[in-house]
């Protein structure tokens, strides 16, 4: 009986120590998150510069009529994706949220290249019929897209406002933040404010 009491007491002490350790680690994670600056979209130096005019391209659309890349009065996010990219697929809900929240002034265009069949399967599987979806190797070569997912924000005057590699929702939203601040990226804004990037 004494052995059982001792074992039960030892287990309770162990549970209390582990609980204290979890709280200490949670506090350290919070401190770490306060110190780490948000990381925006990773800008590529290739392709048209931010502030340049977007090329005047009319693109084919798997979900309807042709798409004008730079449409007067409407801003556009061109989101480059692949049928085999898991991060691209994971960002589809974020793109839907962008359309819901910003749809009065912004269009989201999905862009890729290759044969239509895998893309049509993805459109059906992921329910992407409400997005303009273009297959254009010319578009990817124009913007020198080397890694995916990649996004370009073009304003209503046809000017490239922001671009970069976007691996998560925060990096996608950073394109809008950078454009609102009139900076090429969130990092350049932090550097201008004297904060470490």
C-alpha atoms as a PDB file:
ATOM      1  CA  UNK A   1       0.000   0.000   0.000  1.00  0.00           C
ATOM      2  CA  UNK A   2       2.862   2.369   0.825  1.00  0.00           C
ATOM      3  CA  UNK A   3       4.430   1.640  -2.572  1.00  0.00           C
ATOM      4  CA  UNK A   4       1.166   2.591  -4.351  1.00  0.00           C
ATOM      5  CA  UNK A   5       0.943   5.836  -2.391  1.00  0.00           C
ATOM      6  CA  UNK A   6       4.545   6.672  -3.214  1.00  0.00           C
ATOM      7  CA  UNK A   7       4.020   5.888  -6.944  1.00  0.00           C
ATOM      8  CA  UNK A   8       0.864   8.007  -7.054  1.00  0.00           C
ATOM      9  CA  UNK A   9       2.642  10.892  -5.331  1.00  0.00           C
ATOM     10  CA  UNK A  10       5.585  10.630  -7.732  1.00  0.00           C
ATOM     11  CA  UNK A  11       3.228  10.681 -10.725  1.00  0.00           C
ATOM     12  CA  UNK A  12       1.497  13.837  -9.417  1.00  0.00           C
ATOM     13  CA  UNK A  13       4.857  15.537  -8.925  1.00  0.00           C
ATOM     14  CA  UNK A  14       5.834  14.567 -12.487  1.00  0.00           C
ATOM     15  CA  UNK A  15       2.528  15.930 -13.869  1.00  0.00           C
ATOM     16  CA  UNK A  16       3.046  19.232 -12.024  1.00  0.00           C
ATOM     17  CA  UNK A  17       6.623  19.539 -13.318  1.00  0.00           C
ATOM     18  CA  UNK A  18       5.505  18.830 -16.900  1.00  0.00           C
ATOM     19  CA  UNK A  19       2.666  21.372 -16.590  1.00  0.00           C
ATOM     20  CA  UNK A  20       5.126  24.015 -15.396  1.00  0.00           C
ATOM     21  CA  UNK A  21       7.464  23.163 -18.295  1.00  0.00           C
ATOM     22  CA  UNK A  22       4.632  23.522 -20.834  1.00  0.00           C
ATOM     23  CA  UNK A  23       3.706  26.956 -19.445  1.00  0.00           C
ATOM     24  CA  UNK A  24       7.354  28.054 -19.507  1.00  0.00           C
ATOM     25  CA  UNK A  25       7.730  26.916 -23.130  1.00  0.00           C
ATOM     26  CA  UNK A  26       4.483  28.645 -24.124  1.00  0.00           C
ATOM     27  CA  UNK A  27       5.784  31.880 -22.612  1.00  0.00           C
ATOM     28  CA  UNK A  28       9.079  31.536 -24.517  1.00  0.00           C
ATOM     29  CA  UNK A  29       7.218  30.968 -27.789  1.00  0.00           C
ATOM     30  CA  UNK A  30       5.244  34.155 -27.133  1.00  0.00           C
ATOM     31  CA  UNK A  31       8.457  36.105 -26.471  1.00  0.00           C
ATOM     32  CA  UNK A  32      10.000  34.674 -29.642  1.00  0.00           C
ATOM     33  CA  UNK A  33       6.976  35.666 -31.748  1.00  0.00           C
ATOM     34  CA  UNK A  34       7.214  39.224 -30.404  1.00  0.00           C
ATOM     35  CA  UNK A  35      10.872  39.442 -31.465  1.00  0.00           C
ATOM     36  CA  UNK A  36      10.440  37.962 -34.954  1.00  0.00           C
ATOM     37  CA  UNK A  37       9.305  40.512 -37.526  1.00  0.00           C
ATOM     38  CA  UNK A  38       6.626  39.517 -40.034  1.00  0.00           C
ATOM     39  CA  UNK A  39       8.074  38.293 -43.306  1.00  0.00           C
ATOM     40  CA  UNK A  40       6.404  39.512 -46.463  1.00  0.00           C
ATOM     41  CA  UNK A  41       6.420  38.019 -49.905  1.00  0.00           C
ATOM     42  CA  UNK A  42       9.949  37.196 -51.060  1.00  0.00           C
ATOM     43  CA  UNK A  43      10.593  39.578 -53.924  1.00  0.00           C
ATOM     44  CA  UNK A  44      12.277  38.406 -57.087  1.00  0.00           C
ATOM     45  CA  UNK A  45      14.546  40.792 -58.962  1.00  0.00           C
ATOM     46  CA  UNK A  46      13.670  39.079 -62.229  1.00  0.00           C
ATOM     47  CA  UNK A  47      10.942  40.168 -64.605  1.00  0.00           C
ATOM     48  CA  UNK A  48       9.280  43.583 -64.833  1.00  0.00           C
ATOM     49  CA  UNK A  49      10.153  45.925 -61.964  1.00  0.00           C
ATOM     50  CA  UNK A  50       7.690  47.116 -59.359  1.00  0.00           C
ATOM     51  CA  UNK A  51       6.327  50.418 -60.628  1.00  0.00           C
ATOM     52  CA  UNK A  52       6.614  49.365 -64.281  1.00  0.00           C
ATOM     53  CA  UNK A  53       3.603  48.904 -66.526  1.00  0.00           C
ATOM     54  CA  UNK A  54       2.329  45.346 -66.838  1.00  0.00           C
ATOM     55  CA  UNK A  55       2.554  43.910 -70.334  1.00  0.00           C
ATOM     56  CA  UNK A  56      -0.594  44.284 -72.437  1.00  0.00           C
ATOM     57  CA  UNK A  57      -1.506  40.626 -72.866  1.00  0.00           C
ATOM     58  CA  UNK A  58      -4.810  38.987 -73.699  1.00  0.00           C
ATOM     59  CA  UNK A  59      -4.772  35.533 -72.157  1.00  0.00           C
ATOM     60  CA  UNK A  60      -6.835  32.405 -72.804  1.00  0.00           C
ATOM     61  CA  UNK A  61      -9.198  31.399 -69.995  1.00  0.00           C
ATOM     62  CA  UNK A  62     -10.143  27.817 -69.151  1.00  0.00           C
ATOM     63  CA  UNK A  63     -13.217  29.141 -67.304  1.00  0.00           C
ATOM     64  CA  UNK A  64     -14.618  31.553 -69.881  1.00  0.00           C
ATOM     65  CA  UNK A  65     -13.687  34.336 -72.281  1.00  0.00           C
ATOM     66  CA  UNK A  66     -10.225  35.862 -72.758  1.00  0.00           C
ATOM     67  CA  UNK A  67      -8.588  37.777 -69.906  1.00  0.00           C
ATOM     68  CA  UNK A  68      -6.945  41.181 -70.293  1.00  0.00           C
ATOM     69  CA  UNK A  69      -3.959  41.181 -67.942  1.00  0.00           C
ATOM     70  CA  UNK A  70      -4.161  44.906 -67.231  1.00  0.00           C
ATOM     71  CA  UNK A  71      -7.819  45.953 -67.118  1.00  0.00           C
ATOM     72  CA  UNK A  72      -8.507  49.674 -66.589  1.00  0.00           C
ATOM     73  CA  UNK A  73     -10.113  50.433 -63.267  1.00  0.00           C
ATOM     74  CA  UNK A  74      -9.681  46.942 -61.773  1.00  0.00           C
ATOM     75  CA  UNK A  75      -6.725  45.714 -59.784  1.00  0.00           C
ATOM     76  CA  UNK A  76      -5.569  42.158 -60.317  1.00  0.00           C
ATOM     77  CA  UNK A  77      -3.605  39.534 -58.472  1.00  0.00           C
ATOM     78  CA  UNK A  78      -2.055  37.029 -60.840  1.00  0.00           C
ATOM     79  CA  UNK A  79      -1.394  33.899 -58.802  1.00  0.00           C
ATOM     80  CA  UNK A  80       0.987  31.430 -60.472  1.00  0.00           C
ATOM     81  CA  UNK A  81       0.355  27.845 -59.408  1.00  0.00           C
ATOM     82  CA  UNK A  82       0.903  24.240 -60.424  1.00  0.00           C
ATOM     83  CA  UNK A  83      -1.272  21.153 -60.259  1.00  0.00           C
ATOM     84  CA  UNK A  84       1.504  19.354 -58.343  1.00  0.00           C
ATOM     85  CA  UNK A  85       2.271  22.120 -55.811  1.00  0.00           C
ATOM     86  CA  UNK A  86       0.802  21.360 -52.355  1.00  0.00           C
ATOM     87  CA  UNK A  87       1.464  24.907 -51.103  1.00  0.00           C
ATOM     88  CA  UNK A  88      -0.446  26.332 -54.081  1.00  0.00           C
ATOM     89  CA  UNK A  89      -3.433  24.148 -53.222  1.00  0.00           C
ATOM     90  CA  UNK A  90      -3.198  25.107 -49.549  1.00  0.00           C
ATOM     91  CA  UNK A  91      -3.448  28.801 -50.517  1.00  0.00           C
ATOM     92  CA  UNK A  92      -6.708  28.393 -52.476  1.00  0.00           C
ATOM     93  CA  UNK A  93      -8.874  29.130 -49.377  1.00  0.00           C
ATOM     94  CA  UNK A  94      -6.835  32.327 -48.811  1.00  0.00           C
ATOM     95  CA  UNK A  95      -7.490  33.342 -52.426  1.00  0.00           C
ATOM     96  CA  UNK A  96     -11.221  32.756 -51.888  1.00  0.00           C
ATOM     97  CA  UNK A  97     -11.053  34.985 -48.797  1.00  0.00           C
ATOM     98  CA  UNK A  98      -9.296  37.693 -50.833  1.00  0.00           C
ATOM     99  CA  UNK A  99     -12.055  37.582 -53.450  1.00  0.00           C
ATOM    100  CA  UNK A 100     -14.755  37.782 -50.754  1.00  0.00           C
ATOM    101  CA  UNK A 101     -13.088  40.650 -48.879  1.00  0.00           C
ATOM    102  CA  UNK A 102     -11.683  42.652 -51.805  1.00  0.00           C
ATOM    103  CA  UNK A 103     -13.868  41.574 -54.745  1.00  0.00           C
ATOM    104  CA  UNK A 104     -15.317  45.066 -55.285  1.00  0.00           C
ATOM    105  CA  UNK A 105     -11.958  46.355 -56.590  1.00  0.00           C
ATOM    106  CA  UNK A 106      -9.789  43.274 -57.115  1.00  0.00           C
ATOM    107  CA  UNK A 107      -9.804  40.216 -59.389  1.00  0.00           C
ATOM    108  CA  UNK A 108      -7.753  37.082 -58.751  1.00  0.00           C
ATOM    109  CA  UNK A 109      -6.397  35.361 -61.868  1.00  0.00           C
ATOM    110  CA  UNK A 110      -4.925  31.885 -61.589  1.00  0.00           C
ATOM    111  CA  UNK A 111      -2.047  31.273 -64.010  1.00  0.00           C
ATOM    112  CA  UNK A 112      -0.013  28.260 -65.030  1.00  0.00           C
ATOM    113  CA  UNK A 113       1.240  26.504 -68.135  1.00  0.00           C
ATOM    114  CA  UNK A 114       1.257  23.034 -69.607  1.00  0.00           C
ATOM    115  CA  UNK A 115      -1.462  20.803 -70.996  1.00  0.00           C
ATOM    116  CA  UNK A 116      -5.081  21.723 -70.200  1.00  0.00           C
ATOM    117  CA  UNK A 117      -6.233  18.267 -68.963  1.00  0.00           C
ATOM    118  CA  UNK A 118      -4.537  18.267 -65.510  1.00  0.00           C
ATOM    119  CA  UNK A 119      -5.629  21.853 -64.939  1.00  0.00           C
ATOM    120  CA  UNK A 120      -9.239  21.089 -65.850  1.00  0.00           C
ATOM    121  CA  UNK A 121      -9.135  18.189 -63.392  1.00  0.00           C
ATOM    122  CA  UNK A 122      -7.823  20.540 -60.693  1.00  0.00           C
ATOM    123  CA  UNK A 123     -10.512  23.118 -61.538  1.00  0.00           C
ATOM    124  CA  UNK A 124     -13.174  20.449 -61.035  1.00  0.00           C
ATOM    125  CA  UNK A 125     -11.563  18.921 -57.920  1.00  0.00           C
ATOM    126  CA  UNK A 126     -10.832  22.230 -56.156  1.00  0.00           C
ATOM    127  CA  UNK A 127     -14.008  23.983 -57.454  1.00  0.00           C
ATOM    128  CA  UNK A 128     -12.110  26.786 -59.187  1.00  0.00           C
ATOM    129  CA  UNK A 129     -14.704  27.633 -61.848  1.00  0.00           C
ATOM    130  CA  UNK A 130     -15.303  31.055 -60.276  1.00  0.00           C
ATOM    131  CA  UNK A 131     -11.682  32.125 -60.945  1.00  0.00           C
ATOM    132  CA  UNK A 132     -10.290  33.163 -64.334  1.00  0.00           C
ATOM    133  CA  UNK A 133      -7.697  30.440 -65.037  1.00  0.00           C
ATOM    134  CA  UNK A 134      -5.106  30.956 -67.769  1.00  0.00           C
ATOM    135  CA  UNK A 135      -2.526  28.622 -69.259  1.00  0.00           C
ATOM    136  CA  UNK A 136       0.207  30.797 -70.723  1.00  0.00           C
ATOM    137  CA  UNK A 137       3.909  30.035 -70.808  1.00  0.00           C
ATOM    138  CA  UNK A 138       4.398  33.570 -72.206  1.00  0.00           C
ATOM    139  CA  UNK A 139       2.976  35.075 -68.998  1.00  0.00           C
ATOM    140  CA  UNK A 140       5.325  33.029 -66.796  1.00  0.00           C
ATOM    141  CA  UNK A 141       8.333  33.910 -68.956  1.00  0.00           C
ATOM    142  CA  UNK A 142       7.362  37.609 -68.963  1.00  0.00           C
ATOM    143  CA  UNK A 143       7.381  37.720 -65.155  1.00  0.00           C
ATOM    144  CA  UNK A 144      10.359  35.299 -64.952  1.00  0.00           C
ATOM    145  CA  UNK A 145       8.542  33.007 -62.541  1.00  0.00           C
ATOM    146  CA  UNK A 146      11.090  30.469 -61.302  1.00  0.00           C
ATOM    147  CA  UNK A 147       9.441  29.150 -58.118  1.00  0.00           C
ATOM    148  CA  UNK A 148       5.838  28.619 -57.086  1.00  0.00           C
ATOM    149  CA  UNK A 149       3.548  29.874 -55.713  1.00  0.00           C
ATOM    150  CA  UNK A 150       4.276  33.350 -57.058  1.00  0.00           C
ATOM    151  CA  UNK A 151       1.928  36.345 -57.129  1.00  0.00           C
ATOM    152  CA  UNK A 152       1.880  39.713 -58.889  1.00  0.00           C
ATOM    153  CA  UNK A 153      -0.365  42.618 -57.875  1.00  0.00           C
ATOM    154  CA  UNK A 154      -1.316  44.942 -60.752  1.00  0.00           C
ATOM    155  CA  UNK A 155      -3.352  48.078 -60.004  1.00  0.00           C
ATOM    156  CA  UNK A 156      -6.198  49.568 -62.031  1.00  0.00           C
ATOM    157  CA  UNK A 157      -3.791  51.668 -64.106  1.00  0.00           C
ATOM    158  CA  UNK A 158      -1.835  48.582 -65.206  1.00  0.00           C
ATOM    159  CA  UNK A 159       1.122  49.287 -62.902  1.00  0.00           C
ATOM    160  CA  UNK A 160       2.867  46.456 -61.066  1.00  0.00           C
ATOM    161  CA  UNK A 161       2.487  47.337 -57.380  1.00  0.00           C
ATOM    162  CA  UNK A 162       3.983  44.264 -55.689  1.00  0.00           C
ATOM    163  CA  UNK A 163       5.213  40.766 -56.531  1.00  0.00           C
ATOM    164  CA  UNK A 164       6.938  37.851 -54.928  1.00  0.00           C
ATOM    165  CA  UNK A 165       7.036  34.264 -53.803  1.00  0.00           C
ATOM    166  CA  UNK A 166       4.112  33.601 -51.446  1.00  0.00           C
ATOM    167  CA  UNK A 167       4.266  30.475 -49.292  1.00  0.00           C
ATOM    168  CA  UNK A 168       1.483  31.337 -46.857  1.00  0.00           C
ATOM    169  CA  UNK A 169      -1.516  33.600 -46.269  1.00  0.00           C
ATOM    170  CA  UNK A 170       0.575  36.260 -44.517  1.00  0.00           C
ATOM    171  CA  UNK A 171       2.944  36.575 -47.463  1.00  0.00           C
ATOM    172  CA  UNK A 172      -0.013  36.862 -49.845  1.00  0.00           C
ATOM    173  CA  UNK A 173      -1.571  39.599 -47.716  1.00  0.00           C
ATOM    174  CA  UNK A 174       1.795  41.362 -47.480  1.00  0.00           C
ATOM    175  CA  UNK A 175       1.505  42.182 -51.200  1.00  0.00           C
ATOM    176  CA  UNK A 176      -1.560  44.292 -50.403  1.00  0.00           C
ATOM    177  CA  UNK A 177       0.113  45.877 -47.366  1.00  0.00           C
ATOM    178  CA  UNK A 178       3.189  46.811 -49.387  1.00  0.00           C
ATOM    179  CA  UNK A 179       1.030  48.311 -52.153  1.00  0.00           C
ATOM    180  CA  UNK A 180      -1.015  50.335 -49.635  1.00  0.00           C
ATOM    181  CA  UNK A 181       2.182  51.689 -48.078  1.00  0.00           C
ATOM    182  CA  UNK A 182       3.654  52.516 -51.499  1.00  0.00           C
ATOM    183  CA  UNK A 183       6.657  50.256 -50.879  1.00  0.00           C
ATOM    184  CA  UNK A 184       7.890  47.284 -52.894  1.00  0.00           C
ATOM    185  CA  UNK A 185       7.769  44.982 -49.853  1.00  0.00           C
ATOM    186  CA  UNK A 186       7.036  44.780 -46.156  1.00  0.00           C
ATOM    187  CA  UNK A 187      10.787  44.342 -45.542  1.00  0.00           C
ATOM    188  CA  UNK A 188      11.623  47.642 -47.272  1.00  0.00           C
ATOM    189  CA  UNK A 189       9.035  49.385 -45.067  1.00  0.00           C
ATOM    190  CA  UNK A 190      10.651  47.967 -41.915  1.00  0.00           C
ATOM    191  CA  UNK A 191      14.126  49.009 -43.121  1.00  0.00           C
ATOM    192  CA  UNK A 192      12.859  52.537 -43.840  1.00  0.00           C
ATOM    193  CA  UNK A 193      11.435  52.669 -40.304  1.00  0.00           C
ATOM    194  CA  UNK A 194      14.810  51.591 -38.865  1.00  0.00           C
ATOM    195  CA  UNK A 195      13.645  48.117 -37.861  1.00  0.00           C
ATOM    196  CA  UNK A 196      15.734  45.067 -38.661  1.00  0.00           C
ATOM    197  CA  UNK A 197      14.332  43.030 -41.564  1.00  0.00           C
END
